[in-house]
Amino acid sequence: MTVKLLLVDDHQMMREGLRALIEKEPGMVVVGEADDGKAALELVARLQPQVVLMDVGLPELNGIETTRRLLRQKRGLKVVA
């Protein structure tokens, strides 16, 4: 079984580093990246990841509020902050 992940961080270098580490692991695939909370909400709806790696300090819609909305939007979603 492959675990689909979405990376959410406003720093591109951080997302690139996480992607590089995750792609080395068998059974894990990064299905998308978002640089703010709004984009994360849209991508979760479209890409249906099982896990979201969430930065707490996001511009506009912070990671805490984004997580609240994501958990209401998709039952069973796991968020790691």
N, C-alpha and C. Protein backbone atom coordinates (compact mmCIF):
# COMPACT_ATOMS: atom_id res chain seq x y z
N MET A 1 0.84 -1.18 0.00
CA MET A 1 0.00 0.00 0.00
C MET A 1 0.89 1.25 0.00
N THR A 2 0.54 2.21 -0.83
CA THR A 2 1.28 3.46 -0.92
C THR A 2 0.54 4.56 -0.16
N VAL A 3 1.28 5.27 0.69
CA VAL A 3 0.72 6.39 1.45
C VAL A 3 0.93 7.66 0.64
N LYS A 4 -0.17 8.36 0.37
CA LYS A 4 -0.11 9.61 -0.40
C LYS A 4 -0.03 10.79 0.58
N LEU A 5 0.98 11.65 0.36
CA LEU A 5 1.22 12.79 1.24
C LEU A 5 1.11 14.11 0.49
N LEU A 6 0.65 15.12 1.21
CA LEU A 6 0.64 16.50 0.72
C LEU A 6 1.55 17.31 1.63
N LEU A 7 2.46 18.08 1.05
CA LEU A 7 3.36 18.94 1.80
C LEU A 7 2.82 20.36 1.81
N VAL A 8 2.71 20.95 3.00
CA VAL A 8 2.21 22.32 3.12
C VAL A 8 3.21 23.13 3.93
N ASP A 9 3.91 24.02 3.24
CA ASP A 9 4.89 24.90 3.89
C ASP A 9 5.10 26.10 2.98
N ASP A 10 5.26 27.27 3.56
CA ASP A 10 5.44 28.47 2.75
C ASP A 10 6.88 28.65 2.28
N HIS A 11 7.77 27.77 2.68
CA HIS A 11 9.17 27.83 2.25
C HIS A 11 9.45 26.71 1.25
N GLN A 12 9.75 27.09 0.04
CA GLN A 12 9.98 26.12 -1.02
C GLN A 12 11.14 25.18 -0.68
N MET A 13 12.20 25.71 -0.08
CA MET A 13 13.36 24.87 0.25
C MET A 13 12.97 23.77 1.23
N MET A 14 12.10 24.08 2.18
CA MET A 14 11.63 23.08 3.15
C MET A 14 10.84 22.00 2.43
N ARG A 15 9.93 22.41 1.55
CA ARG A 15 9.13 21.42 0.79
C ARG A 15 10.04 20.53 -0.05
N GLU A 16 11.03 21.13 -0.70
CA GLU A 16 11.95 20.34 -1.53
C GLU A 16 12.73 19.34 -0.69
N GLY A 17 13.18 19.75 0.49
CA GLY A 17 13.91 18.85 1.38
C GLY A 17 13.05 17.70 1.86
N LEU A 18 11.83 18.01 2.28
CA LEU A 18 10.91 16.96 2.71
C LEU A 18 10.61 15.99 1.58
N ARG A 19 10.36 16.53 0.40
CA ARG A 19 10.07 15.68 -0.76
C ARG A 19 11.24 14.73 -1.04
N ALA A 20 12.46 15.25 -0.99
CA ALA A 20 13.64 14.43 -1.26
C ALA A 20 13.76 13.28 -0.25
N LEU A 21 13.48 13.56 1.02
CA LEU A 21 13.54 12.52 2.05
C LEU A 21 12.43 11.50 1.87
N ILE A 22 11.22 11.97 1.62
CA ILE A 22 10.07 11.08 1.49
C ILE A 22 10.19 10.18 0.27
N GLU A 23 10.68 10.73 -0.83
CA GLU A 23 10.77 9.94 -2.06
C GLU A 23 11.77 8.80 -1.96
N LYS A 24 12.65 8.83 -0.97
CA LYS A 24 13.59 7.73 -0.74
C LYS A 24 12.94 6.57 0.00
N GLU A 25 11.79 6.81 0.60
CA GLU A 25 11.12 5.80 1.40
C GLU A 25 10.15 4.98 0.54
N PRO A 26 10.26 3.67 0.61
CA PRO A 26 9.29 2.85 -0.13
C PRO A 26 7.90 2.98 0.49
N GLY A 27 6.90 2.98 -0.34
CA GLY A 27 5.53 3.02 0.15
C GLY A 27 5.01 4.42 0.44
N MET A 28 5.77 5.45 0.09
CA MET A 28 5.33 6.83 0.30
C MET A 28 5.50 7.61 -0.99
N VAL A 29 4.52 8.45 -1.29
CA VAL A 29 4.61 9.30 -2.48
C VAL A 29 4.02 10.68 -2.16
N VAL A 30 4.72 11.72 -2.58
CA VAL A 30 4.23 13.09 -2.42
C VAL A 30 3.35 13.38 -3.63
N VAL A 31 2.06 13.63 -3.38
CA VAL A 31 1.12 13.88 -4.48
C VAL A 31 0.96 15.35 -4.79
N GLY A 32 1.45 16.23 -3.90
CA GLY A 32 1.33 17.66 -4.16
C GLY A 32 1.98 18.48 -3.08
N GLU A 33 2.08 19.78 -3.39
CA GLU A 33 2.67 20.75 -2.46
C GLU A 33 1.82 22.02 -2.47
N ALA A 34 1.70 22.62 -1.29
CA ALA A 34 0.98 23.89 -1.17
C ALA A 34 1.83 24.86 -0.35
N ASP A 35 1.75 26.15 -0.70
CA ASP A 35 2.52 27.14 0.04
C ASP A 35 1.67 28.00 0.97
N ASP A 36 0.37 27.71 1.04
CA ASP A 36 -0.50 28.40 1.99
C ASP A 36 -1.72 27.54 2.30
N GLY A 37 -2.48 27.96 3.30
CA GLY A 37 -3.62 27.18 3.74
C GLY A 37 -4.73 27.03 2.70
N LYS A 38 -4.99 28.10 1.98
CA LYS A 38 -6.04 28.05 0.95
C LYS A 38 -5.72 27.01 -0.11
N ALA A 39 -4.49 27.02 -0.56
CA ALA A 39 -4.07 26.05 -1.58
C ALA A 39 -4.15 24.63 -1.01
N ALA A 40 -3.81 24.46 0.25
CA ALA A 40 -3.88 23.14 0.88
C ALA A 40 -5.31 22.60 0.88
N LEU A 41 -6.28 23.46 1.21
CA LEU A 41 -7.68 23.03 1.20
C LEU A 41 -8.11 22.55 -0.18
N GLU A 42 -7.71 23.29 -1.20
CA GLU A 42 -8.07 22.93 -2.57
C GLU A 42 -7.39 21.62 -3.00
N LEU A 43 -6.10 21.48 -2.66
CA LEU A 43 -5.38 20.29 -3.08
C LEU A 43 -5.84 19.02 -2.37
N VAL A 44 -6.20 19.13 -1.11
CA VAL A 44 -6.71 17.95 -0.40
C VAL A 44 -8.01 17.47 -1.05
N ALA A 45 -8.87 18.40 -1.41
CA ALA A 45 -10.13 18.03 -2.07
C ALA A 45 -9.87 17.36 -3.41
N ARG A 46 -8.88 17.85 -4.13
CA ARG A 46 -8.62 17.34 -5.49
C ARG A 46 -7.75 16.09 -5.50
N LEU A 47 -6.70 16.06 -4.66
CA LEU A 47 -5.71 14.99 -4.73
C LEU A 47 -5.96 13.83 -3.77
N GLN A 48 -6.79 14.05 -2.75
CA GLN A 48 -7.16 13.02 -1.78
C GLN A 48 -5.96 12.34 -1.10
N PRO A 49 -5.03 13.13 -0.52
CA PRO A 49 -3.92 12.50 0.21
C PRO A 49 -4.43 11.86 1.49
N GLN A 50 -3.64 10.96 2.03
CA GLN A 50 -3.99 10.33 3.31
C GLN A 50 -3.35 11.06 4.48
N VAL A 51 -2.21 11.72 4.20
CA VAL A 51 -1.45 12.42 5.23
C VAL A 51 -1.06 13.80 4.71
N VAL A 52 -1.15 14.80 5.59
CA VAL A 52 -0.69 16.15 5.27
C VAL A 52 0.41 16.52 6.26
N LEU A 53 1.56 16.93 5.73
CA LEU A 53 2.63 17.47 6.57
C LEU A 53 2.45 18.98 6.56
N MET A 54 2.08 19.55 7.70
CA MET A 54 1.59 20.93 7.79
C MET A 54 2.54 21.84 8.58
N ASP A 55 2.91 22.95 7.97
CA ASP A 55 3.61 24.02 8.68
C ASP A 55 2.57 24.81 9.46
N VAL A 56 2.85 25.15 10.69
CA VAL A 56 1.89 25.89 11.51
C VAL A 56 1.88 27.37 11.12
N GLY A 57 3.03 27.92 10.79
CA GLY A 57 3.14 29.35 10.50
C GLY A 57 3.00 29.66 9.02
N LEU A 58 1.79 29.60 8.52
CA LEU A 58 1.52 29.90 7.12
C LEU A 58 0.94 31.30 6.97
N PRO A 59 1.17 31.94 5.83
CA PRO A 59 0.56 33.25 5.60
C PRO A 59 -0.95 33.14 5.38
N GLU A 60 -1.65 34.19 5.67
CA GLU A 60 -3.11 34.31 5.50
C GLU A 60 -3.87 33.32 6.37
N LEU A 61 -4.02 32.08 5.94
CA LEU A 61 -4.74 31.06 6.69
C LEU A 61 -3.68 30.17 7.36
N ASN A 62 -3.50 30.32 8.68
CA ASN A 62 -2.40 29.60 9.34
C ASN A 62 -2.64 28.09 9.38
N GLY A 63 -1.61 27.36 9.78
CA GLY A 63 -1.67 25.90 9.78
C GLY A 63 -2.68 25.33 10.76
N ILE A 64 -2.91 26.01 11.87
CA ILE A 64 -3.88 25.52 12.86
C ILE A 64 -5.30 25.57 12.28
N GLU A 65 -5.68 26.72 11.72
CA GLU A 65 -7.02 26.85 11.15
C GLU A 65 -7.17 25.98 9.91
N THR A 66 -6.12 25.89 9.11
CA THR A 66 -6.18 25.02 7.94
C THR A 66 -6.43 23.57 8.36
N THR A 67 -5.73 23.13 9.41
CA THR A 67 -5.91 21.77 9.91
C THR A 67 -7.34 21.55 10.38
N ARG A 68 -7.90 22.50 11.11
CA ARG A 68 -9.30 22.38 11.56
C ARG A 68 -10.23 22.18 10.38
N ARG A 69 -10.05 22.99 9.36
CA ARG A 69 -10.92 22.90 8.18
C ARG A 69 -10.70 21.60 7.42
N LEU A 70 -9.46 21.17 7.31
CA LEU A 70 -9.18 19.92 6.60
C LEU A 70 -9.82 18.73 7.29
N LEU A 71 -9.75 18.70 8.62
CA LEU A 71 -10.31 17.58 9.36
C LEU A 71 -11.83 17.54 9.27
N ARG A 72 -12.46 18.69 9.10
CA ARG A 72 -13.91 18.72 8.87
C ARG A 72 -14.22 18.30 7.44
N GLN A 73 -13.33 18.64 6.52
CA GLN A 73 -13.54 18.38 5.09
C GLN A 73 -13.34 16.91 4.73
N LYS A 74 -12.36 16.25 5.34
CA LYS A 74 -12.02 14.88 4.94
C LYS A 74 -11.85 13.98 6.15
N ARG A 75 -12.79 13.11 6.34
CA ARG A 75 -12.75 12.17 7.45
C ARG A 75 -11.59 11.18 7.25
N GLY A 76 -10.86 10.93 8.33
CA GLY A 76 -9.78 9.96 8.30
C GLY A 76 -8.43 10.55 7.88
N LEU A 77 -8.41 11.81 7.50
CA LEU A 77 -7.15 12.47 7.11
C LEU A 77 -6.26 12.59 8.33
N LYS A 78 -4.98 12.34 8.15
CA LYS A 78 -4.00 12.51 9.21
C LYS A 78 -3.17 13.76 8.91
N VAL A 79 -2.96 14.59 9.92
CA VAL A 79 -2.18 15.82 9.76
C VAL A 79 -1.04 15.79 10.77
N VAL A 80 0.17 15.99 10.26
CA VAL A 80 1.35 16.09 11.11
C VAL A 80 1.84 17.53 11.00
N ALA A 81 1.90 18.22 12.16
CA ALA A 81 2.31 19.62 12.16
C ALA A 81 3.72 19.76 12.66
